[in-house]
Amino acid sequence: MSTLTTSRVDSPASTPGLTTAGREARRTRFLNWVAVHTLAIAAALFFVLPFVFVFLTALMSDQQALTRDLWPDSWHWENLRTVWETPGFLTWWKNTLVYAVLGTVLTLVSSIPVAYALARFKFRGRNLAMMLVISTMMLPPQVVIVPMYLFWAKQLHLSGTLWPLIIPLAFTDAFSIFLLRQFLLTIPKEYVDAAKVDGCGDFRALVRVILPMAKPAIAAVALFQFFYCWNDYFGPQIYASENPAAWTLSYGLESFKGAHHTNWNLTMAATLLVMAPVIILFFFAQKAFIEGVTLTGVKG
């Protein structure tokens, strides 16, 4: 009886303590959830709201775009068509697409063999070669722009075109080499050894074994290069500014803004058309892009 009485007396006293601890734990978890998601929502709004503002302003009328209104009274989708039909805009679009696609392809074709050699081949001076590649990443393009311009404009007479920007990409890119090499180092060499046992040479092993396994890194490099070429303003300004037929979207948008400085709705519509391909491309390729970046040396 004494034992039963003691258990009946002790259990009510211990239950409130356990209940209080459980409530405190749940309250702590809830506060942590609110804190984390509040910061995430705030960060998301910080990046999304400018795009929302551009989109809403692009669909306003000429008069409303000059007011403080944030929501269109009526939706003017014809603004997008007006910008698209502006003389020269389609030419800027085609030039940008050629520059971005051709530049990306040349960068991949030239960087993959170099990265593979620096990652797999053992030769004297390999580390020195890698240090030289990394050192070129620290050199701003503005430092060499004068001699490069004199070479392309005075010697090869290619000023007024985009070729001075496209041709150098056929001779590799330092950042692309670094990114690909860091990923190739994570691929076990046993795969290449097995391919060589089956009769593959280094080139066939690269094409049939390494490249399929390096798709995330290749996708990341391709997106980095495509975004760089698509958004490049400095290069077209230096080499193609004298020829409107060779302008890209980034440089042509500045001219469009100057011609429509009072039509903010058209300016925002042009900005929206310039941003849309990049946003759509990243939306569909973000998984491969994030995977390629996190599996390489970019993560630190």
C-alpha atoms as a PDB file:
ATOM      1  CA  MET A   1       0.000   0.000   0.000  1.00  0.00           C
ATOM      2  CA  SER A   2       2.841   2.402   0.885  1.00  0.00           C
ATOM      3  CA  THR A   3       4.517   1.831  -2.469  1.00  0.00           C
ATOM      4  CA  LEU A   4       1.296   2.370  -4.385  1.00  0.00           C
ATOM      5  CA  THR A   5       0.552   5.498  -2.381  1.00  0.00           C
ATOM      6  CA  THR A   6       4.010   6.877  -2.980  1.00  0.00           C
ATOM      7  CA  SER A   7       3.781   6.359  -6.779  1.00  0.00           C
ATOM      8  CA  ARG A   8       0.357   8.002  -6.818  1.00  0.00           C
ATOM      9  CA  VAL A   9       1.706  10.981  -4.889  1.00  0.00           C
ATOM     10  CA  ASP A  10       4.918  11.406  -6.921  1.00  0.00           C
ATOM     11  CA  SER A  11       3.444  11.111 -10.427  1.00  0.00           C
ATOM     12  CA  PRO A  12       1.261  14.243 -10.288  1.00  0.00           C
ATOM     13  CA  ALA A  13       4.218  16.253  -9.011  1.00  0.00           C
ATOM     14  CA  SER A  14       6.492  15.119 -11.866  1.00  0.00           C
ATOM     15  CA  THR A  15       3.974  15.500 -14.695  1.00  0.00           C
ATOM     16  CA  PRO A  16       3.787  19.337 -14.646  1.00  0.00           C
ATOM     17  CA  GLY A  17       7.591  19.542 -14.961  1.00  0.00           C
ATOM     18  CA  LEU A  18       7.614  17.317 -18.037  1.00  0.00           C
ATOM     19  CA  THR A  19       4.711  19.224 -19.557  1.00  0.00           C
ATOM     20  CA  THR A  20       6.442  22.552 -18.967  1.00  0.00           C
ATOM     21  CA  ALA A  21       9.679  21.294 -20.549  1.00  0.00           C
ATOM     22  CA  GLY A  22       7.797  20.008 -23.585  1.00  0.00           C
ATOM     23  CA  ARG A  23       6.007  23.313 -24.010  1.00  0.00           C
ATOM     24  CA  GLU A  24       9.275  25.214 -23.744  1.00  0.00           C
ATOM     25  CA  ALA A  25      10.852  22.946 -26.373  1.00  0.00           C
ATOM     26  CA  ARG A  26       7.925  23.422 -28.745  1.00  0.00           C
ATOM     27  CA  ARG A  27       7.986  27.168 -28.157  1.00  0.00           C
ATOM     28  CA  THR A  28      11.705  27.287 -28.876  1.00  0.00           C
ATOM     29  CA  ARG A  29      11.280  25.298 -32.096  1.00  0.00           C
ATOM     30  CA  PHE A  30       8.441  27.574 -33.184  1.00  0.00           C
ATOM     31  CA  LEU A  31      10.458  30.724 -32.530  1.00  0.00           C
ATOM     32  CA  ASN A  32      13.399  29.274 -34.453  1.00  0.00           C
ATOM     33  CA  TRP A  33      11.102  28.412 -37.363  1.00  0.00           C
ATOM     34  CA  VAL A  34       9.671  31.944 -37.384  1.00  0.00           C
ATOM     35  CA  ALA A  35      13.137  33.517 -37.228  1.00  0.00           C
ATOM     36  CA  VAL A  36      14.559  31.391 -40.049  1.00  0.00           C
ATOM     37  CA  HIS A  37      11.570  31.757 -42.349  1.00  0.00           C
ATOM     38  CA  THR A  38      11.193  35.464 -41.620  1.00  0.00           C
ATOM     39  CA  LEU A  39      14.776  36.080 -42.711  1.00  0.00           C
ATOM     40  CA  ALA A  40      14.267  33.879 -45.769  1.00  0.00           C
ATOM     41  CA  ILE A  41      11.079  35.725 -46.732  1.00  0.00           C
ATOM     42  CA  ALA A  42      12.768  39.103 -46.190  1.00  0.00           C
ATOM     43  CA  ALA A  43      15.723  38.045 -48.360  1.00  0.00           C
ATOM     44  CA  ALA A  44      13.381  36.715 -51.046  1.00  0.00           C
ATOM     45  CA  LEU A  45      11.423  39.967 -51.100  1.00  0.00           C
ATOM     46  CA  PHE A  46      14.671  41.939 -51.265  1.00  0.00           C
ATOM     47  CA  PHE A  47      15.583  40.178 -54.539  1.00  0.00           C
ATOM     48  CA  VAL A  48      12.100  39.716 -56.018  1.00  0.00           C
ATOM     49  CA  LEU A  49      10.528  43.150 -55.465  1.00  0.00           C
ATOM     50  CA  PRO A  50      12.769  44.965 -58.010  1.00  0.00           C
ATOM     51  CA  PHE A  51      11.699  42.493 -60.704  1.00  0.00           C
ATOM     52  CA  VAL A  52       8.049  42.936 -59.692  1.00  0.00           C
ATOM     53  CA  PHE A  53       8.455  46.704 -59.912  1.00  0.00           C
ATOM     54  CA  VAL A  54       9.984  46.443 -63.411  1.00  0.00           C
ATOM     55  CA  PHE A  55       7.190  44.117 -64.550  1.00  0.00           C
ATOM     56  CA  LEU A  56       4.356  46.316 -63.225  1.00  0.00           C
ATOM     57  CA  THR A  57       5.874  49.546 -64.553  1.00  0.00           C
ATOM     58  CA  ALA A  58       6.416  47.966 -67.981  1.00  0.00           C
ATOM     59  CA  LEU A  59       2.658  47.411 -68.292  1.00  0.00           C
ATOM     60  CA  MET A  60       1.563  50.912 -67.285  1.00  0.00           C
ATOM     61  CA  SER A  61       0.482  53.741 -69.545  1.00  0.00           C
ATOM     62  CA  ASP A  62       2.836  56.609 -70.372  1.00  0.00           C
ATOM     63  CA  GLN A  63       1.129  58.950 -67.908  1.00  0.00           C
ATOM     64  CA  GLN A  64       0.808  56.496 -65.022  1.00  0.00           C
ATOM     65  CA  ALA A  65       4.471  55.442 -65.298  1.00  0.00           C
ATOM     66  CA  LEU A  66       5.408  59.011 -64.265  1.00  0.00           C
ATOM     67  CA  THR A  67       3.303  58.847 -61.087  1.00  0.00           C
ATOM     68  CA  ARG A  68       3.891  57.104 -57.780  1.00  0.00           C
ATOM     69  CA  ASP A  69       1.381  54.350 -58.532  1.00  0.00           C
ATOM     70  CA  LEU A  70       2.663  50.838 -58.002  1.00  0.00           C
ATOM     71  CA  TRP A  71      -0.208  48.967 -59.648  1.00  0.00           C
ATOM     72  CA  PRO A  72      -1.330  49.511 -63.256  1.00  0.00           C
ATOM     73  CA  ASP A  73      -4.804  50.968 -63.742  1.00  0.00           C
ATOM     74  CA  SER A  74      -4.953  49.063 -67.028  1.00  0.00           C
ATOM     75  CA  TRP A  75      -2.602  46.462 -68.445  1.00  0.00           C
ATOM     76  CA  HIS A  76      -0.777  47.658 -71.570  1.00  0.00           C
ATOM     77  CA  TRP A  77       0.765  44.510 -73.000  1.00  0.00           C
ATOM     78  CA  GLU A  78       1.338  46.343 -76.256  1.00  0.00           C
ATOM     79  CA  ASN A  79       4.325  48.049 -74.627  1.00  0.00           C
ATOM     80  CA  LEU A  80       6.303  44.838 -75.065  1.00  0.00           C
ATOM     81  CA  ARG A  81       5.391  44.689 -78.742  1.00  0.00           C
ATOM     82  CA  THR A  82       6.310  48.355 -79.195  1.00  0.00           C
ATOM     83  CA  VAL A  83       9.765  47.733 -77.764  1.00  0.00           C
ATOM     84  CA  TRP A  84      10.230  44.560 -79.797  1.00  0.00           C
ATOM     85  CA  GLU A  85       9.346  46.416 -82.994  1.00  0.00           C
ATOM     86  CA  THR A  86      11.713  49.303 -82.234  1.00  0.00           C
ATOM     87  CA  PRO A  87      14.258  49.638 -85.080  1.00  0.00           C
ATOM     88  CA  GLY A  88      17.459  47.890 -84.098  1.00  0.00           C
ATOM     89  CA  PHE A  89      16.118  45.966 -81.105  1.00  0.00           C
ATOM     90  CA  LEU A  90      15.839  42.664 -82.978  1.00  0.00           C
ATOM     91  CA  THR A  91      19.378  43.195 -84.314  1.00  0.00           C
ATOM     92  CA  TRP A  92      20.672  43.734 -80.772  1.00  0.00           C
ATOM     93  CA  TRP A  93      18.908  40.547 -79.725  1.00  0.00           C
ATOM     94  CA  LYS A  94      20.483  38.502 -82.528  1.00  0.00           C
ATOM     95  CA  ASN A  95      23.952  39.922 -81.855  1.00  0.00           C
ATOM     96  CA  THR A  96      23.675  39.134 -78.152  1.00  0.00           C
ATOM     97  CA  LEU A  97      22.474  35.604 -78.856  1.00  0.00           C
ATOM     98  CA  VAL A  98      25.356  34.962 -81.279  1.00  0.00           C
ATOM     99  CA  TYR A  99      27.882  36.410 -78.845  1.00  0.00           C
ATOM    100  CA  ALA A 100      26.556  34.430 -75.864  1.00  0.00           C
ATOM    101  CA  VAL A 101      26.037  31.073 -77.608  1.00  0.00           C
ATOM    102  CA  LEU A 102      29.215  31.111 -79.693  1.00  0.00           C
ATOM    103  CA  GLY A 103      31.270  32.413 -76.790  1.00  0.00           C
ATOM    104  CA  THR A 104      29.948  29.683 -74.486  1.00  0.00           C
ATOM    105  CA  VAL A 105      30.654  26.916 -77.007  1.00  0.00           C
ATOM    106  CA  LEU A 106      34.196  28.151 -77.675  1.00  0.00           C
ATOM    107  CA  THR A 107      34.894  28.460 -73.965  1.00  0.00           C
ATOM    108  CA  LEU A 108      33.795  24.887 -73.270  1.00  0.00           C
ATOM    109  CA  VAL A 109      35.675  23.411 -76.247  1.00  0.00           C
ATOM    110  CA  SER A 110      38.900  25.169 -75.302  1.00  0.00           C
ATOM    111  CA  SER A 111      38.712  24.865 -71.501  1.00  0.00           C
ATOM    112  CA  ILE A 112      37.753  21.202 -71.056  1.00  0.00           C
ATOM    113  CA  PRO A 113      40.985  19.694 -72.540  1.00  0.00           C
ATOM    114  CA  VAL A 114      43.167  22.119 -70.566  1.00  0.00           C
ATOM    115  CA  ALA A 115      41.342  21.377 -67.316  1.00  0.00           C
ATOM    116  CA  TYR A 116      41.584  17.642 -67.981  1.00  0.00           C
ATOM    117  CA  ALA A 117      45.322  17.882 -68.605  1.00  0.00           C
ATOM    118  CA  LEU A 118      45.922  19.902 -65.435  1.00  0.00           C
ATOM    119  CA  ALA A 119      43.803  17.492 -63.395  1.00  0.00           C
ATOM    120  CA  ARG A 120      45.022  14.119 -64.736  1.00  0.00           C
ATOM    121  CA  PHE A 121      48.378  14.425 -66.467  1.00  0.00           C
ATOM    122  CA  LYS A 122      51.528  14.527 -64.381  1.00  0.00           C
ATOM    123  CA  PHE A 123      54.242  16.620 -65.983  1.00  0.00           C
ATOM    124  CA  ARG A 124      56.947  18.977 -64.863  1.00  0.00           C
ATOM    125  CA  GLY A 125      55.613  22.448 -64.197  1.00  0.00           C
ATOM    126  CA  ARG A 126      51.985  21.428 -63.787  1.00  0.00           C
ATOM    127  CA  ASN A 127      51.563  23.332 -60.521  1.00  0.00           C
ATOM    128  CA  LEU A 128      53.314  26.359 -62.003  1.00  0.00           C
ATOM    129  CA  ALA A 129      50.966  26.274 -64.989  1.00  0.00           C
ATOM    130  CA  MET A 130      47.965  26.161 -62.665  1.00  0.00           C
ATOM    131  CA  MET A 131      49.331  29.094 -60.670  1.00  0.00           C
ATOM    132  CA  LEU A 132      49.716  31.090 -63.879  1.00  0.00           C
ATOM    133  CA  VAL A 133      46.112  30.286 -64.840  1.00  0.00           C
ATOM    134  CA  ILE A 134      44.843  31.427 -61.451  1.00  0.00           C
ATOM    135  CA  SER A 135      47.010  34.562 -61.548  1.00  0.00           C
ATOM    136  CA  THR A 136      45.328  35.688 -64.770  1.00  0.00           C
ATOM    137  CA  MET A 137      42.015  35.731 -62.886  1.00  0.00           C
ATOM    138  CA  MET A 138      43.435  38.532 -60.731  1.00  0.00           C
ATOM    139  CA  LEU A 139      44.206  40.740 -63.740  1.00  0.00           C
ATOM    140  CA  PRO A 140      41.359  43.158 -64.539  1.00  0.00           C
ATOM    141  CA  PRO A 141      40.501  43.381 -68.254  1.00  0.00           C
ATOM    142  CA  GLN A 142      40.858  47.167 -68.086  1.00  0.00           C
ATOM    143  CA  VAL A 143      44.609  46.774 -67.582  1.00  0.00           C
ATOM    144  CA  VAL A 144      45.181  45.282 -71.039  1.00  0.00           C
ATOM    145  CA  ILE A 145      42.339  46.944 -72.928  1.00  0.00           C
ATOM    146  CA  VAL A 146      44.532  49.546 -74.664  1.00  0.00           C
ATOM    147  CA  PRO A 147      47.041  47.138 -76.270  1.00  0.00           C
ATOM    148  CA  MET A 148      44.245  44.685 -77.049  1.00  0.00           C
ATOM    149  CA  TYR A 149      42.207  47.385 -78.753  1.00  0.00           C
ATOM    150  CA  LEU A 150      45.203  48.521 -80.786  1.00  0.00           C
ATOM    151  CA  PHE A 151      45.809  44.926 -81.857  1.00  0.00           C
ATOM    152  CA  TRP A 152      42.235  44.204 -82.916  1.00  0.00           C
ATOM    153  CA  ALA A 153      41.472  47.637 -84.382  1.00  0.00           C
ATOM    154  CA  LYS A 154      44.770  48.679 -85.965  1.00  0.00           C
ATOM    155  CA  GLN A 155      46.341  45.357 -86.886  1.00  0.00           C
ATOM    156  CA  LEU A 156      43.341  43.151 -87.726  1.00  0.00           C
ATOM    157  CA  HIS A 157      40.831  45.934 -88.493  1.00  0.00           C
ATOM    158  CA  LEU A 158      38.018  44.235 -86.574  1.00  0.00           C
ATOM    159  CA  SER A 159      36.710  47.264 -84.714  1.00  0.00           C
ATOM    160  CA  GLY A 160      32.994  47.759 -85.081  1.00  0.00           C
ATOM    161  CA  THR A 161      32.346  44.006 -84.734  1.00  0.00           C
ATOM    162  CA  LEU A 162      31.985  41.490 -81.918  1.00  0.00           C
ATOM    163  CA  TRP A 163      34.816  39.271 -83.147  1.00  0.00           C
ATOM    164  CA  PRO A 164      37.394  40.842 -80.785  1.00  0.00           C
ATOM    165  CA  LEU A 165      35.187  39.551 -77.973  1.00  0.00           C
ATOM    166  CA  ILE A 166      34.393  36.124 -79.447  1.00  0.00           C
ATOM    167  CA  ILE A 167      37.762  35.013 -80.852  1.00  0.00           C
ATOM    168  CA  PRO A 168      39.711  35.237 -77.522  1.00  0.00           C
ATOM    169  CA  LEU A 169      37.217  32.818 -75.964  1.00  0.00           C
ATOM    170  CA  ALA A 170      38.580  30.121 -78.291  1.00  0.00           C
ATOM    171  CA  PHE A 171      41.817  30.268 -76.260  1.00  0.00           C
ATOM    172  CA  THR A 172      40.254  29.197 -72.953  1.00  0.00           C
ATOM    173  CA  ASP A 173      39.078  31.114 -69.932  1.00  0.00           C
ATOM    174  CA  ALA A 174      40.943  31.022 -66.618  1.00  0.00           C
ATOM    175  CA  PHE A 175      37.880  30.770 -64.388  1.00  0.00           C
ATOM    176  CA  SER A 176      36.368  28.011 -66.520  1.00  0.00           C
ATOM    177  CA  ILE A 177      39.610  26.030 -66.379  1.00  0.00           C
ATOM    178  CA  PHE A 178      39.769  26.370 -62.609  1.00  0.00           C
ATOM    179  CA  LEU A 179      36.134  25.358 -62.131  1.00  0.00           C
ATOM    180  CA  LEU A 180      36.393  22.305 -64.398  1.00  0.00           C
ATOM    181  CA  ARG A 181      39.730  21.177 -62.970  1.00  0.00           C
ATOM    182  CA  GLN A 182      38.398  21.258 -59.415  1.00  0.00           C
ATOM    183  CA  PHE A 183      35.509  19.026 -60.437  1.00  0.00           C
ATOM    184  CA  LEU A 184      37.649  16.613 -62.475  1.00  0.00           C
ATOM    185  CA  LEU A 185      39.880  16.077 -59.444  1.00  0.00           C
ATOM    186  CA  THR A 186      36.887  14.575 -57.620  1.00  0.00           C
ATOM    187  CA  ILE A 187      36.392  11.871 -60.281  1.00  0.00           C
ATOM    188  CA  PRO A 188      38.310   8.696 -59.286  1.00  0.00           C
ATOM    189  CA  LYS A 189      41.139   7.913 -61.678  1.00  0.00           C
ATOM    190  CA  GLU A 190      40.118   4.246 -61.667  1.00  0.00           C
ATOM    191  CA  TYR A 191      37.440   5.081 -64.233  1.00  0.00           C
ATOM    192  CA  VAL A 192      40.051   6.354 -66.675  1.00  0.00           C
ATOM    193  CA  ASP A 193      42.330   3.403 -65.934  1.00  0.00           C
ATOM    194  CA  ALA A 194      39.483   0.970 -66.648  1.00  0.00           C
ATOM    195  CA  ALA A 195      38.731   2.757 -69.921  1.00  0.00           C
ATOM    196  CA  LYS A 196      42.380   2.520 -70.966  1.00  0.00           C
ATOM    197  CA  VAL A 197      42.398  -1.197 -70.179  1.00  0.00           C
ATOM    198  CA  ASP A 198      39.466  -1.556 -72.584  1.00  0.00           C
ATOM    199  CA  GLY A 199      41.545   0.125 -75.295  1.00  0.00           C
ATOM    200  CA  CYS A 200      40.542   3.780 -74.965  1.00  0.00           C
ATOM    201  CA  GLY A 201      43.139   6.475 -75.366  1.00  0.00           C
ATOM    202  CA  ASP A 202      43.188   9.692 -73.382  1.00  0.00           C
ATOM    203  CA  PHE A 203      40.910  11.494 -75.816  1.00  0.00           C
ATOM    204  CA  ARG A 204      38.302   8.715 -75.968  1.00  0.00           C
ATOM    205  CA  ALA A 205      38.432   8.362 -72.180  1.00  0.00           C
ATOM    206  CA  LEU A 206      37.784  12.078 -71.885  1.00  0.00           C
ATOM    207  CA  VAL A 207      34.863  12.015 -74.308  1.00  0.00           C
ATOM    208  CA  ARG A 208      33.211   8.734 -73.287  1.00  0.00           C
ATOM    209  CA  VAL A 209      33.971   8.538 -69.571  1.00  0.00           C
ATOM    210  CA  ILE A 210      34.871  11.908 -68.082  1.00  0.00           C
ATOM    211  CA  LEU A 211      32.493  14.241 -69.909  1.00  0.00           C
ATOM    212  CA  PRO A 212      29.311  12.306 -69.016  1.00  0.00           C
ATOM    213  CA  MET A 213      30.375  12.357 -65.373  1.00  0.00           C
ATOM    214  CA  ALA A 214      31.285  16.056 -65.498  1.00  0.00           C
ATOM    215  CA  LYS A 215      27.913  17.300 -66.759  1.00  0.00           C
ATOM    216  CA  PRO A 216      27.163  19.362 -63.589  1.00  0.00           C
ATOM    217  CA  ALA A 217      30.467  21.233 -63.838  1.00  0.00           C
ATOM    218  CA  ILE A 218      30.078  21.736 -67.589  1.00  0.00           C
ATOM    219  CA  ALA A 219      26.576  23.106 -67.048  1.00  0.00           C
ATOM    220  CA  ALA A 220      27.840  25.500 -64.379  1.00  0.00           C
ATOM    221  CA  VAL A 221      30.654  26.749 -66.622  1.00  0.00           C
ATOM    222  CA  ALA A 222      28.278  27.125 -69.569  1.00  0.00           C
ATOM    223  CA  LEU A 223      25.810  29.170 -67.507  1.00  0.00           C
ATOM    224  CA  PHE A 224      28.538  31.362 -66.034  1.00  0.00           C
ATOM    225  CA  GLN A 225      29.915  32.119 -69.491  1.00  0.00           C
ATOM    226  CA  PHE A 226      26.494  32.600 -71.080  1.00  0.00           C
ATOM    227  CA  PHE A 227      25.418  35.057 -68.379  1.00  0.00           C
ATOM    228  CA  TYR A 228      28.717  36.927 -68.691  1.00  0.00           C
ATOM    229  CA  CYS A 229      28.391  37.328 -72.459  1.00  0.00           C
ATOM    230  CA  TRP A 230      24.703  38.207 -72.281  1.00  0.00           C
ATOM    231  CA  ASN A 231      25.281  40.943 -69.682  1.00  0.00           C
ATOM    232  CA  ASP A 232      28.615  42.200 -71.027  1.00  0.00           C
ATOM    233  CA  TYR A 233      28.555  45.973 -71.449  1.00  0.00           C
ATOM    234  CA  PHE A 234      32.222  46.923 -71.295  1.00  0.00           C
ATOM    235  CA  GLY A 235      33.373  44.842 -74.273  1.00  0.00           C
ATOM    236  CA  PRO A 236      30.696  45.937 -76.784  1.00  0.00           C
ATOM    237  CA  GLN A 237      31.163  49.533 -75.681  1.00  0.00           C
ATOM    238  CA  ILE A 238      34.875  49.373 -76.540  1.00  0.00           C
ATOM    239  CA  TYR A 239      34.779  47.427 -79.792  1.00  0.00           C
ATOM    240  CA  ALA A 240      31.279  47.823 -81.272  1.00  0.00           C
ATOM    241  CA  SER A 241      30.109  51.287 -80.200  1.00  0.00           C
ATOM    242  CA  GLU A 242      30.918  52.840 -83.591  1.00  0.00           C
ATOM    243  CA  ASN A 243      28.680  50.372 -85.463  1.00  0.00           C
ATOM    244  CA  PRO A 244      25.002  50.226 -84.342  1.00  0.00           C
ATOM    245  CA  ALA A 245      24.546  47.043 -86.386  1.00  0.00           C
ATOM    246  CA  ALA A 246      26.931  45.255 -83.996  1.00  0.00           C
ATOM    247  CA  TRP A 247      25.419  46.474 -80.727  1.00  0.00           C
ATOM    248  CA  THR A 248      24.288  43.998 -78.100  1.00  0.00           C
ATOM    249  CA  LEU A 249      21.271  44.263 -75.814  1.00  0.00           C
ATOM    250  CA  SER A 250      23.268  45.579 -72.868  1.00  0.00           C
ATOM    251  CA  TYR A 251      24.722  48.425 -74.902  1.00  0.00           C
ATOM    252  CA  GLY A 252      21.631  49.025 -77.015  1.00  0.00           C
ATOM    253  CA  LEU A 253      19.502  49.287 -73.876  1.00  0.00           C
ATOM    254  CA  GLU A 254      21.497  52.355 -72.849  1.00  0.00           C
ATOM    255  CA  SER A 255      20.759  53.962 -76.214  1.00  0.00           C
ATOM    256  CA  PHE A 256      17.077  52.995 -75.919  1.00  0.00           C
ATOM    257  CA  LYS A 257      16.905  54.569 -72.462  1.00  0.00           C
ATOM    258  CA  GLY A 258      18.372  57.818 -73.783  1.00  0.00           C
ATOM    259  CA  ALA A 259      15.843  57.956 -76.608  1.00  0.00           C
ATOM    260  CA  HIS A 260      12.872  57.181 -74.301  1.00  0.00           C
ATOM    261  CA  HIS A 261      13.960  58.901 -71.095  1.00  0.00           C
ATOM    262  CA  THR A 262      10.411  60.160 -70.453  1.00  0.00           C
ATOM    263  CA  ASN A 263       8.723  56.844 -71.295  1.00  0.00           C
ATOM    264  CA  TRP A 264       9.577  54.804 -68.229  1.00  0.00           C
ATOM    265  CA  ASN A 265       7.064  52.143 -69.149  1.00  0.00           C
ATOM    266  CA  LEU A 266       8.862  51.456 -72.439  1.00  0.00           C
ATOM    267  CA  THR A 267      12.250  51.547 -70.724  1.00  0.00           C
ATOM    268  CA  MET A 268      11.062  48.986 -68.175  1.00  0.00           C
ATOM    269  CA  ALA A 269       9.536  46.879 -70.945  1.00  0.00           C
ATOM    270  CA  ALA A 270      12.888  46.838 -72.757  1.00  0.00           C
ATOM    271  CA  THR A 271      14.629  45.919 -69.503  1.00  0.00           C
ATOM    272  CA  LEU A 272      12.132  43.095 -68.977  1.00  0.00           C
ATOM    273  CA  LEU A 273      12.787  41.695 -72.457  1.00  0.00           C
ATOM    274  CA  VAL A 274      16.538  41.791 -71.802  1.00  0.00           C
ATOM    275  CA  MET A 275      16.249  40.014 -68.442  1.00  0.00           C
ATOM    276  CA  ALA A 276      13.640  37.430 -69.401  1.00  0.00           C
ATOM    277  CA  PRO A 277      15.892  34.931 -71.282  1.00  0.00           C
ATOM    278  CA  VAL A 278      18.447  34.856 -68.481  1.00  0.00           C
ATOM    279  CA  ILE A 279      15.802  34.340 -65.804  1.00  0.00           C
ATOM    280  CA  ILE A 280      14.054  31.600 -67.773  1.00  0.00           C
ATOM    281  CA  LEU A 281      17.338  29.825 -68.530  1.00  0.00           C
ATOM    282  CA  PHE A 282      18.426  29.882 -64.901  1.00  0.00           C
ATOM    283  CA  PHE A 283      14.981  28.689 -63.769  1.00  0.00           C
ATOM    284  CA  PHE A 284      15.255  25.530 -65.881  1.00  0.00           C
ATOM    285  CA  ALA A 285      18.986  24.927 -65.279  1.00  0.00           C
ATOM    286  CA  GLN A 286      19.279  25.916 -61.626  1.00  0.00           C
ATOM    287  CA  LYS A 287      19.556  22.323 -60.380  1.00  0.00           C
ATOM    288  CA  ALA A 288      22.541  21.524 -62.607  1.00  0.00           C
ATOM    289  CA  PHE A 289      24.045  24.939 -61.893  1.00  0.00           C
ATOM    290  CA  ILE A 290      23.863  24.598 -58.102  1.00  0.00           C
ATOM    291  CA  GLU A 291      25.120  21.015 -58.221  1.00  0.00           C
ATOM    292  CA  GLY A 292      28.070  21.989 -60.402  1.00  0.00           C
ATOM    293  CA  VAL A 293      29.039  24.881 -58.161  1.00  0.00           C
ATOM    294  CA  THR A 294      28.761  22.992 -54.879  1.00  0.00           C
ATOM    295  CA  LEU A 295      30.873  20.081 -56.172  1.00  0.00           C
ATOM    296  CA  THR A 296      33.765  22.286 -57.268  1.00  0.00           C
ATOM    297  CA  GLY A 297      36.249  24.577 -55.621  1.00  0.00           C
ATOM    298  CA  VAL A 298      33.894  27.557 -55.745  1.00  0.00           C
ATOM    299  CA  LYS A 299      32.376  26.496 -52.438  1.00  0.00           C
ATOM    300  CA  GLY A 300      35.684  27.335 -50.753  1.00  0.00           C
END
